Amino acid sequence: MAASLITIVDIIVYVITIILILHALMSFAPLEPWHPIRRTLAQLAEPIIQPFRNLIPPVGMFDFSIMVALIVIQILGELIKVLIRQAF
């Protein structure tokens, strides 16, 4: 039971990480904002990134909120896995 829950947490963290990285990379792509791929990634990533943007405003051209969100997601994933291991 614990192993399957840990696997689910790993998959969720992995998918969120990929979405955030692709969203960050798409900001450098020459796609229009209304392109379906870019719009879909923005709809998935922005609700995760927005709370961090409220805490950490962009510094010049650099937006560190995605990096902070990635770090927090990784830490939360590890914390949840530790809690699962202790519960079972």
PDB file of N, CA and C in Angstrom:
ATOM      1  N   MET A   1       0.819  -1.194   0.000  1.00  0.00           N
ATOM      2  CA  MET A   1       0.000   0.000   0.000  1.00  0.00           C
ATOM      3  C   MET A   1       0.864   1.260   0.000  1.00  0.00           C
ATOM      4  N   ALA A   2       1.860   1.302   0.866  1.00  0.00           N
ATOM      5  CA  ALA A   2       2.726   2.485   0.945  1.00  0.00           C
ATOM      6  C   ALA A   2       3.510   2.672  -0.347  1.00  0.00           C
ATOM      7  N   ALA A   3       3.964   1.568  -0.917  1.00  0.00           N
ATOM      8  CA  ALA A   3       4.753   1.668  -2.145  1.00  0.00           C
ATOM      9  C   ALA A   3       3.926   2.250  -3.287  1.00  0.00           C
ATOM     10  N   SER A   4       2.668   1.855  -3.384  1.00  0.00           N
ATOM     11  CA  SER A   4       1.837   2.385  -4.461  1.00  0.00           C
ATOM     12  C   SER A   4       1.510   3.862  -4.241  1.00  0.00           C
ATOM     13  N   LEU A   5       1.305   4.273  -2.986  1.00  0.00           N
ATOM     14  CA  LEU A   5       1.069   5.691  -2.705  1.00  0.00           C
ATOM     15  C   LEU A   5       2.304   6.532  -3.008  1.00  0.00           C
ATOM     16  N   ILE A   6       3.470   5.999  -2.673  1.00  0.00           N
ATOM     17  CA  ILE A   6       4.712   6.715  -2.972  1.00  0.00           C
ATOM     18  C   ILE A   6       4.910   6.829  -4.474  1.00  0.00           C
ATOM     19  N   THR A   7       4.565   5.779  -5.212  1.00  0.00           N
ATOM     20  CA  THR A   7       4.661   5.829  -6.668  1.00  0.00           C
ATOM     21  C   THR A   7       3.724   6.883  -7.241  1.00  0.00           C
ATOM     22  N   ILE A   8       2.523   6.977  -6.709  1.00  0.00           N
ATOM     23  CA  ILE A   8       1.567   7.993  -7.163  1.00  0.00           C
ATOM     24  C   ILE A   8       2.098   9.393  -6.889  1.00  0.00           C
ATOM     25  N   VAL A   9       2.660   9.604  -5.706  1.00  0.00           N
ATOM     26  CA  VAL A   9       3.236  10.917  -5.374  1.00  0.00           C
ATOM     27  C   VAL A   9       4.388  11.235  -6.323  1.00  0.00           C
ATOM     28  N   ASP A  10       5.243  10.253  -6.605  1.00  0.00           N
ATOM     29  CA  ASP A  10       6.351  10.465  -7.536  1.00  0.00           C
ATOM     30  C   ASP A  10       5.846  10.854  -8.924  1.00  0.00           C
ATOM     31  N   ILE A  11       4.805  10.183  -9.394  1.00  0.00           N
ATOM     32  CA  ILE A  11       4.258  10.488 -10.723  1.00  0.00           C
ATOM     33  C   ILE A  11       3.670  11.893 -10.753  1.00  0.00           C
ATOM     34  N   ILE A  12       2.937  12.272  -9.716  1.00  0.00           N
ATOM     35  CA  ILE A  12       2.330  13.611  -9.663  1.00  0.00           C
ATOM     36  C   ILE A  12       3.410  14.691  -9.650  1.00  0.00           C
ATOM     37  N   VAL A  13       4.434  14.500  -8.828  1.00  0.00           N
ATOM     38  CA  VAL A  13       5.529  15.473  -8.760  1.00  0.00           C
ATOM     39  C   VAL A  13       6.249  15.550 -10.102  1.00  0.00           C
ATOM     40  N   TYR A  14       6.458  14.409 -10.743  1.00  0.00           N
ATOM     41  CA  TYR A  14       7.134  14.375 -12.045  1.00  0.00           C
ATOM     42  C   TYR A  14       6.317  15.122 -13.102  1.00  0.00           C
ATOM     43  N   VAL A  15       5.025  14.885 -13.147  1.00  0.00           N
ATOM     44  CA  VAL A  15       4.171  15.540 -14.145  1.00  0.00           C
ATOM     45  C   VAL A  15       4.137  17.047 -13.916  1.00  0.00           C
ATOM     46  N   ILE A  16       3.988  17.467 -12.678  1.00  0.00           N
ATOM     47  CA  ILE A  16       3.985  18.905 -12.384  1.00  0.00           C
ATOM     48  C   ILE A  16       5.322  19.535 -12.764  1.00  0.00           C
ATOM     49  N   THR A  17       6.414  18.843 -12.478  1.00  0.00           N
ATOM     50  CA  THR A  17       7.739  19.345 -12.828  1.00  0.00           C
ATOM     51  C   THR A  17       7.880  19.519 -14.332  1.00  0.00           C
ATOM     52  N   ILE A  18       7.445  18.519 -15.095  1.00  0.00           N
ATOM     53  CA  ILE A  18       7.529  18.605 -16.558  1.00  0.00           C
ATOM     54  C   ILE A  18       6.675  19.755 -17.079  1.00  0.00           C
ATOM     55  N   ILE A  19       5.475  19.919 -16.541  1.00  0.00           N
ATOM     56  CA  ILE A  19       4.602  21.014 -16.977  1.00  0.00           C
ATOM     57  C   ILE A  19       5.247  22.366 -16.711  1.00  0.00           C
ATOM     58  N   LEU A  20       5.831  22.540 -15.528  1.00  0.00           N
ATOM     59  CA  LEU A  20       6.463  23.826 -15.196  1.00  0.00           C
ATOM     60  C   LEU A  20       7.688  24.094 -16.064  1.00  0.00           C
ATOM     61  N   ILE A  21       8.487  23.070 -16.317  1.00  0.00           N
ATOM     62  CA  ILE A  21       9.674  23.251 -17.157  1.00  0.00           C
ATOM     63  C   ILE A  21       9.269  23.581 -18.590  1.00  0.00           C
ATOM     64  N   LEU A  22       8.291  22.852 -19.126  1.00  0.00           N
ATOM     65  CA  LEU A  22       7.824  23.142 -20.485  1.00  0.00           C
ATOM     66  C   LEU A  22       7.226  24.542 -20.577  1.00  0.00           C
ATOM     67  N   HIS A  23       6.509  24.951 -19.558  1.00  0.00           N
ATOM     68  CA  HIS A  23       5.943  26.308 -19.540  1.00  0.00           C
ATOM     69  C   HIS A  23       7.057  27.358 -19.561  1.00  0.00           C
ATOM     70  N   ALA A  24       8.106  27.114 -18.797  1.00  0.00           N
ATOM     71  CA  ALA A  24       9.230  28.060 -18.778  1.00  0.00           C
ATOM     72  C   ALA A  24       9.934  28.082 -20.131  1.00  0.00           C
ATOM     73  N   LEU A  25      10.128  26.920 -20.736  1.00  0.00           N
ATOM     74  CA  LEU A  25      10.798  26.863 -22.036  1.00  0.00           C
ATOM     75  C   LEU A  25       9.952  27.471 -23.144  1.00  0.00           C
ATOM     76  N   MET A  26       8.634  27.334 -23.034  1.00  0.00           N
ATOM     77  CA  MET A  26       7.756  27.894 -24.064  1.00  0.00           C
ATOM     78  C   MET A  26       7.783  29.421 -24.071  1.00  0.00           C
ATOM     79  N   SER A  27       8.208  30.028 -22.996  1.00  0.00           N
ATOM     80  CA  SER A  27       8.301  31.485 -22.989  1.00  0.00           C
ATOM     81  C   SER A  27       9.396  31.966 -23.939  1.00  0.00           C
ATOM     82  N   PHE A  28      10.324  31.082 -24.286  1.00  0.00           N
ATOM     83  CA  PHE A  28      11.378  31.437 -25.232  1.00  0.00           C
ATOM     84  C   PHE A  28      11.016  31.061 -26.663  1.00  0.00           C
ATOM     85  N   ALA A  29       9.961  30.280 -26.849  1.00  0.00           N
ATOM     86  CA  ALA A  29       9.556  29.831 -28.184  1.00  0.00           C
ATOM     87  C   ALA A  29       8.818  30.952 -28.915  1.00  0.00           C
ATOM     88  N   PRO A  30       8.968  30.980 -30.227  1.00  0.00           N
ATOM     89  CA  PRO A  30       8.299  32.046 -30.996  1.00  0.00           C
ATOM     90  C   PRO A  30       6.835  31.735 -31.293  1.00  0.00           C
ATOM     91  N   LEU A  31       6.131  31.100 -30.359  1.00  0.00           N
ATOM     92  CA  LEU A  31       4.709  30.815 -30.551  1.00  0.00           C
ATOM     93  C   LEU A  31       3.870  31.974 -30.030  1.00  0.00           C
ATOM     94  N   GLU A  32       2.758  32.199 -30.687  1.00  0.00           N
ATOM     95  CA  GLU A  32       1.848  33.244 -30.257  1.00  0.00           C
ATOM     96  C   GLU A  32       1.173  32.831 -28.949  1.00  0.00           C
ATOM     97  N   PRO A  33       0.748  33.770 -28.132  1.00  0.00           N
ATOM     98  CA  PRO A  33       0.117  33.431 -26.844  1.00  0.00           C
ATOM     99  C   PRO A  33      -1.157  32.603 -26.984  1.00  0.00           C
ATOM    100  N   TRP A  34      -1.830  32.681 -28.111  1.00  0.00           N
ATOM    101  CA  TRP A  34      -3.071  31.934 -28.291  1.00  0.00           C
ATOM    102  C   TRP A  34      -2.857  30.573 -28.953  1.00  0.00           C
ATOM    103  N   HIS A  35      -1.600  30.187 -29.173  1.00  0.00           N
ATOM    104  CA  HIS A  35      -1.313  28.860 -29.720  1.00  0.00           C
ATOM    105  C   HIS A  35      -1.830  27.798 -28.741  1.00  0.00           C
ATOM    106  N   PRO A  36      -2.472  26.725 -29.241  1.00  0.00           N
ATOM    107  CA  PRO A  36      -3.098  25.746 -28.330  1.00  0.00           C
ATOM    108  C   PRO A  36      -2.138  25.107 -27.330  1.00  0.00           C
ATOM    109  N   ILE A  37      -0.935  24.808 -27.747  1.00  0.00           N
ATOM    110  CA  ILE A  37       0.026  24.176 -26.829  1.00  0.00           C
ATOM    111  C   ILE A  37       0.430  25.152 -25.738  1.00  0.00           C
ATOM    112  N   ARG A  38       0.750  26.353 -26.147  1.00  0.00           N
ATOM    113  CA  ARG A  38       1.176  27.361 -25.171  1.00  0.00           C
ATOM    114  C   ARG A  38       0.040  27.719 -24.212  1.00  0.00           C
ATOM    115  N   ARG A  39      -1.169  27.834 -24.750  1.00  0.00           N
ATOM    116  CA  ARG A  39      -2.323  28.174 -23.914  1.00  0.00           C
ATOM    117  C   ARG A  39      -2.625  27.059 -22.912  1.00  0.00           C
ATOM    118  N   THR A  40      -2.527  25.793 -23.361  1.00  0.00           N
ATOM    119  CA  THR A  40      -2.784  24.667 -22.473  1.00  0.00           C
ATOM    120  C   THR A  40      -1.746  24.603 -21.361  1.00  0.00           C
ATOM    121  N   LEU A  41      -0.474  24.777 -21.707  1.00  0.00           N
ATOM    122  CA  LEU A  41       0.570  24.771 -20.682  1.00  0.00           C
ATOM    123  C   LEU A  41       0.374  25.914 -19.691  1.00  0.00           C
ATOM    124  N   ALA A  42      -0.036  27.070 -20.195  1.00  0.00           N
ATOM    125  CA  ALA A  42      -0.271  28.209 -19.298  1.00  0.00           C
ATOM    126  C   ALA A  42      -1.446  27.936 -18.360  1.00  0.00           C
ATOM    127  N   GLN A  43      -2.499  27.308 -18.871  1.00  0.00           N
ATOM    128  CA  GLN A  43      -3.653  26.996 -18.032  1.00  0.00           C
ATOM    129  C   GLN A  43      -3.302  25.989 -16.952  1.00  0.00           C
ATOM    130  N   LEU A  44      -2.369  25.084 -17.238  1.00  0.00           N
ATOM    131  CA  LEU A  44      -1.954  24.094 -16.247  1.00  0.00           C
ATOM    132  C   LEU A  44      -0.944  24.657 -15.254  1.00  0.00           C
ATOM    133  N   ALA A  45      -0.034  25.505 -15.730  1.00  0.00           N
ATOM    134  CA  ALA A  45       1.082  25.960 -14.907  1.00  0.00           C
ATOM    135  C   ALA A  45       0.772  27.216 -14.090  1.00  0.00           C
ATOM    136  N   GLU A  46       0.002  28.120 -14.639  1.00  0.00           N
ATOM    137  CA  GLU A  46      -0.216  29.403 -13.964  1.00  0.00           C
ATOM    138  C   GLU A  46      -0.852  29.279 -12.577  1.00  0.00           C
ATOM    139  N   PRO A  47      -1.827  28.389 -12.351  1.00  0.00           N
ATOM    140  CA  PRO A  47      -2.357  28.279 -10.985  1.00  0.00           C
ATOM    141  C   PRO A  47      -1.309  27.822  -9.969  1.00  0.00           C
ATOM    142  N   ILE A  48      -0.301  27.105 -10.419  1.00  0.00           N
ATOM    143  CA  ILE A  48       0.766  26.669  -9.520  1.00  0.00           C
ATOM    144  C   ILE A  48       1.758  27.801  -9.286  1.00  0.00           C
ATOM    145  N   ILE A  49       2.052  28.553 -10.332  1.00  0.00           N
ATOM    146  CA  ILE A  49       3.086  29.592 -10.275  1.00  0.00           C
ATOM    147  C   ILE A  49       2.579  30.882  -9.626  1.00  0.00           C
ATOM    148  N   GLN A  50       1.311  31.205  -9.819  1.00  0.00           N
ATOM    149  CA  GLN A  50       0.787  32.504  -9.383  1.00  0.00           C
ATOM    150  C   GLN A  50       1.000  32.809  -7.901  1.00  0.00           C
ATOM    151  N   PRO A  51       0.786  31.867  -6.972  1.00  0.00           N
ATOM    152  CA  PRO A  51       1.061  32.216  -5.562  1.00  0.00           C
ATOM    153  C   PRO A  51       2.522  32.596  -5.312  1.00  0.00           C
ATOM    154  N   PHE A  52       3.420  31.992  -6.056  1.00  0.00           N
ATOM    155  CA  PHE A  52       4.839  32.321  -5.887  1.00  0.00           C
ATOM    156  C   PHE A  52       5.162  33.669  -6.517  1.00  0.00           C
ATOM    157  N   ARG A  53       4.458  34.034  -7.588  1.00  0.00           N
ATOM    158  CA  ARG A  53       4.653  35.353  -8.193  1.00  0.00           C
ATOM    159  C   ARG A  53       4.179  36.456  -7.254  1.00  0.00           C
ATOM    160  N   ASN A  54       3.156  36.156  -6.461  1.00  0.00           N
ATOM    161  CA  ASN A  54       2.683  37.152  -5.499  1.00  0.00           C
ATOM    162  C   ASN A  54       3.716  37.386  -4.401  1.00  0.00           C
ATOM    163  N   LEU A  55       4.482  36.350  -4.058  1.00  0.00           N
ATOM    164  CA  LEU A  55       5.511  36.467  -3.019  1.00  0.00           C
ATOM    165  C   LEU A  55       6.827  36.999  -3.559  1.00  0.00           C
ATOM    166  N   ILE A  56       7.182  36.563  -4.775  1.00  0.00           N
ATOM    167  CA  ILE A  56       8.475  36.917  -5.360  1.00  0.00           C
ATOM    168  C   ILE A  56       8.218  37.640  -6.682  1.00  0.00           C
ATOM    169  N   PRO A  57       8.288  38.956  -6.700  1.00  0.00           N
ATOM    170  CA  PRO A  57       8.066  39.670  -7.956  1.00  0.00           C
ATOM    171  C   PRO A  57       9.240  39.449  -8.917  1.00  0.00           C
ATOM    172  N   PRO A  58       8.991  39.592 -10.210  1.00  0.00           N
ATOM    173  CA  PRO A  58      10.086  39.435 -11.184  1.00  0.00           C
ATOM    174  C   PRO A  58      11.198  40.451 -10.929  1.00  0.00           C
ATOM    175  N   VAL A  59      12.418  40.006 -11.148  1.00  0.00           N
ATOM    176  CA  VAL A  59      13.590  40.871 -10.990  1.00  0.00           C
ATOM    177  C   VAL A  59      14.083  41.199 -12.393  1.00  0.00           C
ATOM    178  N   GLY A  60      13.749  42.374 -12.876  1.00  0.00           N
ATOM    179  CA  GLY A  60      14.108  42.735 -14.238  1.00  0.00           C
ATOM    180  C   GLY A  60      13.376  41.837 -15.220  1.00  0.00           C
ATOM    181  N   MET A  61      14.133  41.166 -16.069  1.00  0.00           N
ATOM    182  CA  MET A  61      13.546  40.240 -17.041  1.00  0.00           C
ATOM    183  C   MET A  61      13.388  38.839 -16.474  1.00  0.00           C
ATOM    184  N   PHE A  62      13.896  38.582 -15.306  1.00  0.00           N
ATOM    185  CA  PHE A  62      13.922  37.230 -14.756  1.00  0.00           C
ATOM    186  C   PHE A  62      12.767  37.004 -13.783  1.00  0.00           C
ATOM    187  N   ASP A  63      12.101  35.867 -13.975  1.00  0.00           N
ATOM    188  CA  ASP A  63      11.003  35.472 -13.101  1.00  0.00           C
ATOM    189  C   ASP A  63      11.436  34.200 -12.368  1.00  0.00           C
ATOM    190  N   PHE A  64      11.785  34.362 -11.109  1.00  0.00           N
ATOM    191  CA  PHE A  64      12.286  33.233 -10.323  1.00  0.00           C
ATOM    192  C   PHE A  64      11.164  32.410  -9.688  1.00  0.00           C
ATOM    193  N   SER A  65       9.926  32.809  -9.906  1.00  0.00           N
ATOM    194  CA  SER A  65       8.819  32.112  -9.268  1.00  0.00           C
ATOM    195  C   SER A  65       8.691  30.675  -9.749  1.00  0.00           C
ATOM    196  N   ILE A  66       9.013  30.399 -11.010  1.00  0.00           N
ATOM    197  CA  ILE A  66       8.943  29.027 -11.514  1.00  0.00           C
ATOM    198  C   ILE A  66       9.988  28.162 -10.823  1.00  0.00           C
ATOM    199  N   MET A  67      11.186  28.695 -10.646  1.00  0.00           N
ATOM    200  CA  MET A  67      12.238  27.934  -9.969  1.00  0.00           C
ATOM    201  C   MET A  67      11.866  27.665  -8.516  1.00  0.00           C
ATOM    202  N   VAL A  68      11.309  28.650  -7.842  1.00  0.00           N
ATOM    203  CA  VAL A  68      10.899  28.470  -6.453  1.00  0.00           C
ATOM    204  C   VAL A  68       9.754  27.453  -6.382  1.00  0.00           C
ATOM    205  N   ALA A  69       8.826  27.523  -7.329  1.00  0.00           N
ATOM    206  CA  ALA A  69       7.720  26.566  -7.359  1.00  0.00           C
ATOM    207  C   ALA A  69       8.241  25.145  -7.555  1.00  0.00           C
ATOM    208  N   LEU A  70       9.222  24.970  -8.437  1.00  0.00           N
ATOM    209  CA  LEU A  70       9.812  23.645  -8.649  1.00  0.00           C
ATOM    210  C   LEU A  70      10.449  23.115  -7.370  1.00  0.00           C
ATOM    211  N   ILE A  71      11.183  23.966  -6.679  1.00  0.00           N
ATOM    212  CA  ILE A  71      11.841  23.544  -5.436  1.00  0.00           C
ATOM    213  C   ILE A  71      10.799  23.169  -4.384  1.00  0.00           C
ATOM    214  N   VAL A  72       9.763  23.986  -4.246  1.00  0.00           N
ATOM    215  CA  VAL A  72       8.727  23.716  -3.245  1.00  0.00           C
ATOM    216  C   VAL A  72       7.977  22.421  -3.578  1.00  0.00           C
ATOM    217  N   ILE A  73       7.675  22.195  -4.849  1.00  0.00           N
ATOM    218  CA  ILE A  73       6.985  20.965  -5.259  1.00  0.00           C
ATOM    219  C   ILE A  73       7.843  19.745  -4.931  1.00  0.00           C
ATOM    220  N   GLN A  74       9.146  19.829  -5.199  1.00  0.00           N
ATOM    221  CA  GLN A  74      10.044  18.710  -4.895  1.00  0.00           C
ATOM    222  C   GLN A  74      10.099  18.449  -3.388  1.00  0.00           C
ATOM    223  N   ILE A  75      10.209  19.505  -2.604  1.00  0.00           N
ATOM    224  CA  ILE A  75      10.270  19.355  -1.148  1.00  0.00           C
ATOM    225  C   ILE A  75       8.957  18.792  -0.611  1.00  0.00           C
ATOM    226  N   LEU A  76       7.836  19.298  -1.091  1.00  0.00           N
ATOM    227  CA  LEU A  76       6.547  18.775  -0.646  1.00  0.00           C
ATOM    228  C   LEU A  76       6.370  17.304  -1.014  1.00  0.00           C
ATOM    229  N   GLY A  77       6.839  16.936  -2.205  1.00  0.00           N
ATOM    230  CA  GLY A  77       6.762  15.534  -2.613  1.00  0.00           C
ATOM    231  C   GLY A  77       7.560  14.636  -1.687  1.00  0.00           C
ATOM    232  N   GLU A  78       8.759  15.064  -1.331  1.00  0.00           N
ATOM    233  CA  GLU A  78       9.584  14.273  -0.413  1.00  0.00           C
ATOM    234  C   GLU A  78       8.962  14.217   0.980  1.00  0.00           C
ATOM    235  N   LEU A  79       8.405  15.328   1.424  1.00  0.00           N
ATOM    236  CA  LEU A  79       7.756  15.364   2.741  1.00  0.00           C
ATOM    237  C   LEU A  79       6.551  14.422   2.785  1.00  0.00           C
ATOM    238  N   ILE A  80       5.756  14.435   1.734  1.00  0.00           N
ATOM    239  CA  ILE A  80       4.597  13.543   1.676  1.00  0.00           C
ATOM    240  C   ILE A  80       5.041  12.085   1.663  1.00  0.00           C
ATOM    241  N   LYS A  81       6.124  11.781   0.950  1.00  0.00           N
ATOM    242  CA  LYS A  81       6.627  10.402   0.929  1.00  0.00           C
ATOM    243  C   LYS A  81       7.117   9.967   2.308  1.00  0.00           C
ATOM    244  N   VAL A  82       7.767  10.846   3.037  1.00  0.00           N
ATOM    245  CA  VAL A  82       8.212  10.513   4.399  1.00  0.00           C
ATOM    246  C   VAL A  82       7.014  10.265   5.294  1.00  0.00           C
ATOM    247  N   LEU A  83       5.985  11.103   5.170  1.00  0.00           N
ATOM    248  CA  LEU A  83       4.786  10.920   5.976  1.00  0.00           C
ATOM    249  C   LEU A  83       4.075   9.593   5.651  1.00  0.00           C
ATOM    250  N   ILE A  84       4.079   9.225   4.376  1.00  0.00           N
ATOM    251  CA  ILE A  84       3.464   7.952   3.972  1.00  0.00           C
ATOM    252  C   ILE A  84       4.251   6.784   4.568  1.00  0.00           C
ATOM    253  N   ARG A  85       5.577   6.868   4.493  1.00  0.00           N
ATOM    254  CA  ARG A  85       6.401   5.785   5.042  1.00  0.00           C
ATOM    255  C   ARG A  85       6.197   5.640   6.546  1.00  0.00           C
ATOM    256  N   GLN A  86       6.048   6.745   7.245  1.00  0.00           N
ATOM    257  CA  GLN A  86       5.847   6.683   8.687  1.00  0.00           C
ATOM    258  C   GLN A  86       4.454   6.191   9.049  1.00  0.00           C
ATOM    259  N   ALA A  87       3.476   6.453   8.205  1.00  0.00           N
ATOM    260  CA  ALA A  87       2.099   6.050   8.487  1.00  0.00           C
ATOM    261  C   ALA A  87       1.901   4.547   8.301  1.00  0.00           C
ATOM    262  N   PHE A  88       2.692   3.947   7.412  1.00  0.00           N
ATOM    263  CA  PHE A  88       2.498   2.514   7.135  1.00  0.00           C
ATOM    264  C   PHE A  88       3.639   1.721   7.667  1.00  0.00           C
TER     265      PHE A  88
END
